[in-house]
């Protein structure tokens, strides 16, 4: 359980390379404070994204991963998404 509370540390950085290209990186750590002599567990989340726009079209790529999901050691999750947006 996480009855001992939670502690969060997070940061993110985004950079517009030019008018068309932007990139970002985010880190989020949540420590689940365990009780009853159990060791604390830190859920570590990272994400990276890149987007390129040309006229009315935008293509974007993002990848997010998480270790120790919901404070459970050894559970991992990852998702990658590619999207194309068109404006007419």
Protein backbone atom coordinates (compact mmCIF):
# COMPACT_ATOMS: atom_id res chain seq x y z
CA UNK A 1 0.00 0.00 0.00
CA UNK A 2 0.99 3.61 -0.18
CA UNK A 3 -0.41 4.60 3.22
CA UNK A 4 2.87 6.35 4.05
CA UNK A 5 2.25 9.11 1.48
CA UNK A 6 3.97 10.16 -1.72
CA UNK A 7 6.83 12.44 -2.68
CA UNK A 8 7.06 13.90 -6.20
CA UNK A 9 9.92 15.42 -8.16
CA UNK A 10 9.36 16.57 -11.74
CA UNK A 11 10.91 18.72 -14.43
CA UNK A 12 10.49 19.35 -18.11
CA UNK A 13 12.24 21.24 -20.85
CA UNK A 14 10.96 22.26 -24.27
CA UNK A 15 12.93 23.86 -27.09
CA UNK A 16 11.72 25.41 -30.33
CA UNK A 17 14.57 24.66 -32.74
CA UNK A 18 12.98 26.91 -35.35
CA UNK A 19 9.49 27.91 -36.49
CA UNK A 20 8.81 24.36 -37.69
CA UNK A 21 10.56 22.02 -35.25
CA UNK A 22 10.16 21.60 -31.49
CA UNK A 23 11.40 19.01 -29.01
CA UNK A 24 10.68 18.33 -25.35
CA UNK A 25 11.81 16.08 -22.51
CA UNK A 26 10.03 15.44 -19.21
CA UNK A 27 10.96 13.49 -16.08
CA UNK A 28 8.55 12.66 -13.25
CA UNK A 29 9.49 10.61 -10.18
CA UNK A 30 6.91 9.67 -7.56
CA UNK A 31 8.17 7.90 -4.44
CA UNK A 32 5.59 5.79 -2.67
CA UNK A 33 6.38 5.90 1.04
CA UNK A 34 5.74 2.41 2.35
CA UNK A 35 4.86 1.57 5.95
CA UNK A 36 5.51 -1.43 8.15
CA UNK A 37 9.21 -1.76 7.35
CA UNK A 38 8.70 -2.12 3.59
CA UNK A 39 11.16 -0.26 1.33
CA UNK A 40 9.96 2.87 -0.48
CA UNK A 41 9.42 2.42 -4.23
CA UNK A 42 9.94 5.16 -6.82
CA UNK A 43 7.84 5.24 -9.97
CA UNK A 44 10.05 6.77 -12.67
CA UNK A 45 8.39 8.31 -15.73
CA UNK A 46 10.12 9.86 -18.74
CA UNK A 47 8.77 11.30 -21.94
CA UNK A 48 10.27 12.73 -25.09
CA UNK A 49 8.43 14.40 -27.96
CA UNK A 50 9.31 15.95 -31.29
CA UNK A 51 7.01 17.78 -33.69
CA UNK A 52 7.56 19.19 -37.17
CA UNK A 53 5.12 21.54 -38.87
CA UNK A 54 5.10 22.44 -42.55
CA UNK A 55 2.22 24.54 -43.84
CA UNK A 56 -1.00 22.88 -42.67
CA UNK A 57 0.64 19.56 -41.80
CA UNK A 58 2.16 18.50 -38.50
CA UNK A 59 3.87 15.22 -37.80
CA UNK A 60 4.61 14.38 -34.17
CA UNK A 61 6.35 11.56 -32.35
CA UNK A 62 6.25 10.93 -28.63
CA UNK A 63 7.56 8.17 -26.40
CA UNK A 64 6.65 7.75 -22.75
CA UNK A 65 7.94 5.08 -20.39
CA UNK A 66 7.31 4.25 -16.76
CA UNK A 67 9.13 1.95 -14.34
CA UNK A 68 7.65 0.64 -11.08
CA UNK A 69 4.09 1.58 -12.10
CA UNK A 70 1.95 2.70 -9.13
CA UNK A 71 4.81 1.88 -6.77
CA UNK A 72 4.97 -1.81 -7.68
CA UNK A 73 8.56 -2.94 -8.23
CA UNK A 74 9.27 -4.62 -11.55
CA UNK A 75 6.19 -3.34 -13.39
CA UNK A 76 6.98 -1.33 -16.51
CA UNK A 77 4.95 0.36 -19.23
CA UNK A 78 5.90 2.12 -22.47
CA UNK A 79 3.94 3.79 -25.24
CA UNK A 80 5.04 5.34 -28.53
CA UNK A 81 2.71 7.44 -30.64
CA UNK A 82 3.12 8.90 -34.13
CA UNK A 83 0.51 11.33 -35.36
CA UNK A 84 -0.18 13.32 -38.50
CA UNK A 85 -2.47 16.34 -38.36
CA UNK A 86 -3.72 18.11 -41.48
CA UNK A 87 -5.44 21.49 -41.60
CA UNK A 88 -7.33 22.55 -44.71
